[in-house]
Amino acid sequence: MWDKPTETSAAARNLRQVLVAYLQRARLVALWPGADGLTIEDILDFYPKAVVAGEVPDWQQLLREHPELEAEIHAWRAGKELR
Protein backbone atom coordinates (compact mmCIF):
# COMPACT_ATOMS: atom_id res chain seq x y z
CA MET A 1 0.00 0.00 0.00
CA TRP A 2 2.86 2.41 0.70
CA ASP A 3 4.92 3.95 -2.07
CA LYS A 4 8.32 2.61 -1.21
CA PRO A 5 9.24 -0.49 0.76
CA THR A 6 11.45 1.48 3.13
CA GLU A 7 11.84 0.79 6.79
CA THR A 8 9.57 3.10 8.71
CA SER A 9 8.60 3.03 12.31
CA ALA A 10 5.19 1.86 13.38
CA ALA A 11 4.49 5.42 14.58
CA ALA A 12 5.35 6.85 11.13
CA ARG A 13 3.01 4.34 9.48
CA ASN A 14 0.30 5.25 12.01
CA LEU A 15 0.72 8.95 11.21
CA ARG A 16 0.30 8.27 7.50
CA GLN A 17 -2.87 6.31 8.21
CA VAL A 18 -4.25 9.10 10.41
CA LEU A 19 -3.56 11.81 7.82
CA VAL A 20 -5.00 9.80 4.93
CA ALA A 21 -8.10 8.97 7.00
CA TYR A 22 -8.75 12.68 7.67
CA LEU A 23 -8.37 13.47 3.97
CA GLN A 24 -10.71 10.61 3.05
CA ARG A 25 -13.35 11.73 5.57
CA ALA A 26 -13.22 15.22 4.07
CA ARG A 27 -13.71 13.54 0.68
CA LEU A 28 -10.55 15.19 -0.63
CA VAL A 29 -9.02 11.93 -1.83
CA ALA A 30 -10.25 8.58 -3.07
CA LEU A 31 -11.06 5.92 -0.52
CA TRP A 32 -8.41 3.61 -1.95
CA PRO A 33 -5.11 5.37 -2.66
CA GLY A 34 -3.62 4.06 -5.86
CA ALA A 35 -6.98 3.52 -7.55
CA ASP A 36 -6.78 7.02 -8.98
CA GLY A 37 -3.10 6.84 -9.88
CA LEU A 38 -1.99 8.82 -6.82
CA THR A 39 0.58 7.50 -4.40
CA ILE A 40 0.36 7.89 -0.64
CA GLU A 41 2.95 10.67 -0.82
CA ASP A 42 0.86 12.46 -3.47
CA ILE A 43 -2.15 12.24 -1.20
CA LEU A 44 -0.24 13.47 1.84
CA ASP A 45 0.91 16.49 -0.18
CA PHE A 46 -2.75 17.62 -0.07
CA TYR A 47 -2.80 17.77 3.73
CA PRO A 48 -1.23 21.23 4.27
CA LYS A 49 -3.62 22.76 1.71
CA ALA A 50 -6.56 21.03 3.38
CA VAL A 51 -5.47 22.49 6.74
CA VAL A 52 -5.48 26.00 5.27
CA ALA A 53 -8.94 25.37 3.81
CA GLY A 54 -10.23 24.17 7.19
CA GLU A 55 -11.07 20.72 5.79
CA VAL A 56 -8.91 18.67 8.18
CA PRO A 57 -7.47 19.13 11.68
CA ASP A 58 -4.61 21.61 11.90
CA TRP A 59 -1.24 20.70 13.41
CA GLN A 60 -2.14 21.78 16.94
CA GLN A 61 -5.33 19.71 16.86
CA LEU A 62 -3.42 16.71 15.48
CA LEU A 63 -0.95 17.01 18.34
CA ARG A 64 -3.79 17.18 20.88
CA GLU A 65 -5.63 14.21 19.38
CA HIS A 66 -2.52 12.10 18.73
CA PRO A 67 0.14 12.99 21.31
CA GLU A 68 1.76 9.60 20.77
CA LEU A 69 2.68 10.75 17.25
CA GLU A 70 4.24 14.09 18.25
CA ALA A 71 7.75 13.34 16.98
CA GLU A 72 6.42 11.98 13.69
CA ILE A 73 4.08 14.96 13.17
CA HIS A 74 6.96 17.40 13.67
CA ALA A 75 9.27 15.40 11.39
CA TRP A 76 6.63 15.07 8.68
CA ARG A 77 5.80 18.78 8.79
CA ALA A 78 9.48 19.72 8.59
CA GLY A 79 9.89 17.50 5.53
CA LYS A 80 6.91 19.12 3.80
CA GLU A 81 8.15 22.64 4.56
CA LEU A 82 11.57 21.89 3.04
CA ARG A 83 10.10 21.03 -0.36
C-alpha atoms as a PDB file:
ATOM      1  CA  MET A   1       0.000   0.000   0.000  1.00  0.00           C
ATOM      2  CA  TRP A   2       2.858   2.405   0.702  1.00  0.00           C
ATOM      3  CA  ASP A   3       4.921   3.953  -2.071  1.00  0.00           C
ATOM      4  CA  LYS A   4       8.324   2.609  -1.213  1.00  0.00           C
ATOM      5  CA  PRO A   5       9.240  -0.486   0.755  1.00  0.00           C
ATOM      6  CA  THR A   6      11.454   1.484   3.129  1.00  0.00           C
ATOM      7  CA  GLU A   7      11.842   0.786   6.790  1.00  0.00           C
ATOM      8  CA  THR A   8       9.567   3.104   8.710  1.00  0.00           C
ATOM      9  CA  SER A   9       8.601   3.032  12.309  1.00  0.00           C
ATOM     10  CA  ALA A  10       5.189   1.863  13.378  1.00  0.00           C
ATOM     11  CA  ALA A  11       4.487   5.415  14.579  1.00  0.00           C
ATOM     12  CA  ALA A  12       5.354   6.854  11.135  1.00  0.00           C
ATOM     13  CA  ARG A  13       3.007   4.343   9.485  1.00  0.00           C
ATOM     14  CA  ASN A  14       0.303   5.253  12.012  1.00  0.00           C
ATOM     15  CA  LEU A  15       0.716   8.950  11.214  1.00  0.00           C
ATOM     16  CA  ARG A  16       0.295   8.272   7.500  1.00  0.00           C
ATOM     17  CA  GLN A  17      -2.865   6.308   8.213  1.00  0.00           C
ATOM     18  CA  VAL A  18      -4.251   9.098  10.412  1.00  0.00           C
ATOM     19  CA  LEU A  19      -3.565  11.813   7.825  1.00  0.00           C
ATOM     20  CA  VAL A  20      -5.000   9.805   4.933  1.00  0.00           C
ATOM     21  CA  ALA A  21      -8.097   8.974   7.004  1.00  0.00           C
ATOM     22  CA  TYR A  22      -8.748  12.676   7.669  1.00  0.00           C
ATOM     23  CA  LEU A  23      -8.367  13.467   3.969  1.00  0.00           C
ATOM     24  CA  GLN A  24     -10.706  10.614   3.054  1.00  0.00           C
ATOM     25  CA  ARG A  25     -13.350  11.730   5.566  1.00  0.00           C
ATOM     26  CA  ALA A  26     -13.220  15.220   4.072  1.00  0.00           C
ATOM     27  CA  ARG A  27     -13.710  13.543   0.676  1.00  0.00           C
ATOM     28  CA  LEU A  28     -10.551  15.192  -0.630  1.00  0.00           C
ATOM     29  CA  VAL A  29      -9.023  11.935  -1.834  1.00  0.00           C
ATOM     30  CA  ALA A  30     -10.255   8.576  -3.070  1.00  0.00           C
ATOM     31  CA  LEU A  31     -11.065   5.922  -0.519  1.00  0.00           C
ATOM     32  CA  TRP A  32      -8.414   3.611  -1.947  1.00  0.00           C
ATOM     33  CA  PRO A  33      -5.109   5.367  -2.659  1.00  0.00           C
ATOM     34  CA  GLY A  34      -3.616   4.063  -5.858  1.00  0.00           C
ATOM     35  CA  ALA A  35      -6.976   3.517  -7.546  1.00  0.00           C
ATOM     36  CA  ASP A  36      -6.782   7.020  -8.976  1.00  0.00           C
ATOM     37  CA  GLY A  37      -3.099   6.843  -9.883  1.00  0.00           C
ATOM     38  CA  LEU A  38      -1.993   8.815  -6.815  1.00  0.00           C
ATOM     39  CA  THR A  39       0.582   7.496  -4.400  1.00  0.00           C
ATOM     40  CA  ILE A  40       0.356   7.888  -0.638  1.00  0.00           C
ATOM     41  CA  GLU A  41       2.948  10.670  -0.823  1.00  0.00           C
ATOM     42  CA  ASP A  42       0.861  12.459  -3.473  1.00  0.00           C
ATOM     43  CA  ILE A  43      -2.147  12.242  -1.198  1.00  0.00           C
ATOM     44  CA  LEU A  44      -0.236  13.467   1.845  1.00  0.00           C
ATOM     45  CA  ASP A  45       0.910  16.487  -0.175  1.00  0.00           C
ATOM     46  CA  PHE A  46      -2.750  17.622  -0.070  1.00  0.00           C
ATOM     47  CA  TYR A  47      -2.799  17.773   3.728  1.00  0.00           C
ATOM     48  CA  PRO A  48      -1.233  21.230   4.266  1.00  0.00           C
ATOM     49  CA  LYS A  49      -3.624  22.755   1.714  1.00  0.00           C
ATOM     50  CA  ALA A  50      -6.560  21.026   3.383  1.00  0.00           C
ATOM     51  CA  VAL A  51      -5.469  22.489   6.739  1.00  0.00           C
ATOM     52  CA  VAL A  52      -5.482  26.000   5.268  1.00  0.00           C
ATOM     53  CA  ALA A  53      -8.940  25.370   3.805  1.00  0.00           C
ATOM     54  CA  GLY A  54     -10.230  24.169   7.187  1.00  0.00           C
ATOM     55  CA  GLU A  55     -11.072  20.721   5.790  1.00  0.00           C
ATOM     56  CA  VAL A  56      -8.913  18.675   8.182  1.00  0.00           C
ATOM     57  CA  PRO A  57      -7.472  19.129  11.679  1.00  0.00           C
ATOM     58  CA  ASP A  58      -4.605  21.605  11.897  1.00  0.00           C
ATOM     59  CA  TRP A  59      -1.244  20.701  13.410  1.00  0.00           C
ATOM     60  CA  GLN A  60      -2.142  21.780  16.939  1.00  0.00           C
ATOM     61  CA  GLN A  61      -5.328  19.708  16.861  1.00  0.00           C
ATOM     62  CA  LEU A  62      -3.421  16.713  15.476  1.00  0.00           C
ATOM     63  CA  LEU A  63      -0.951  17.014  18.345  1.00  0.00           C
ATOM     64  CA  ARG A  64      -3.793  17.183  20.884  1.00  0.00           C
ATOM     65  CA  GLU A  65      -5.625  14.212  19.382  1.00  0.00           C
ATOM     66  CA  HIS A  66      -2.522  12.104  18.728  1.00  0.00           C
ATOM     67  CA  PRO A  67       0.144  12.992  21.309  1.00  0.00           C
ATOM     68  CA  GLU A  68       1.762   9.599  20.767  1.00  0.00           C
ATOM     69  CA  LEU A  69       2.678  10.752  17.246  1.00  0.00           C
ATOM     70  CA  GLU A  70       4.235  14.090  18.253  1.00  0.00           C
ATOM     71  CA  ALA A  71       7.754  13.344  16.982  1.00  0.00           C
ATOM     72  CA  GLU A  72       6.419  11.981  13.687  1.00  0.00           C
ATOM     73  CA  ILE A  73       4.085  14.956  13.172  1.00  0.00           C
ATOM     74  CA  HIS A  74       6.964  17.401  13.667  1.00  0.00           C
ATOM     75  CA  ALA A  75       9.271  15.403  11.388  1.00  0.00           C
ATOM     76  CA  TRP A  76       6.626  15.068   8.675  1.00  0.00           C
ATOM     77  CA  ARG A  77       5.801  18.782   8.787  1.00  0.00           C
ATOM     78  CA  ALA A  78       9.481  19.719   8.592  1.00  0.00           C
ATOM     79  CA  GLY A  79       9.892  17.502   5.531  1.00  0.00           C
ATOM     80  CA  LYS A  80       6.906  19.115   3.798  1.00  0.00           C
ATOM     81  CA  GLU A  81       8.148  22.639   4.557  1.00  0.00           C
ATOM     82  CA  LEU A  82      11.567  21.889   3.041  1.00  0.00           C
ATOM     83  CA  ARG A  83      10.101  21.028  -0.355  1.00  0.00           C
END
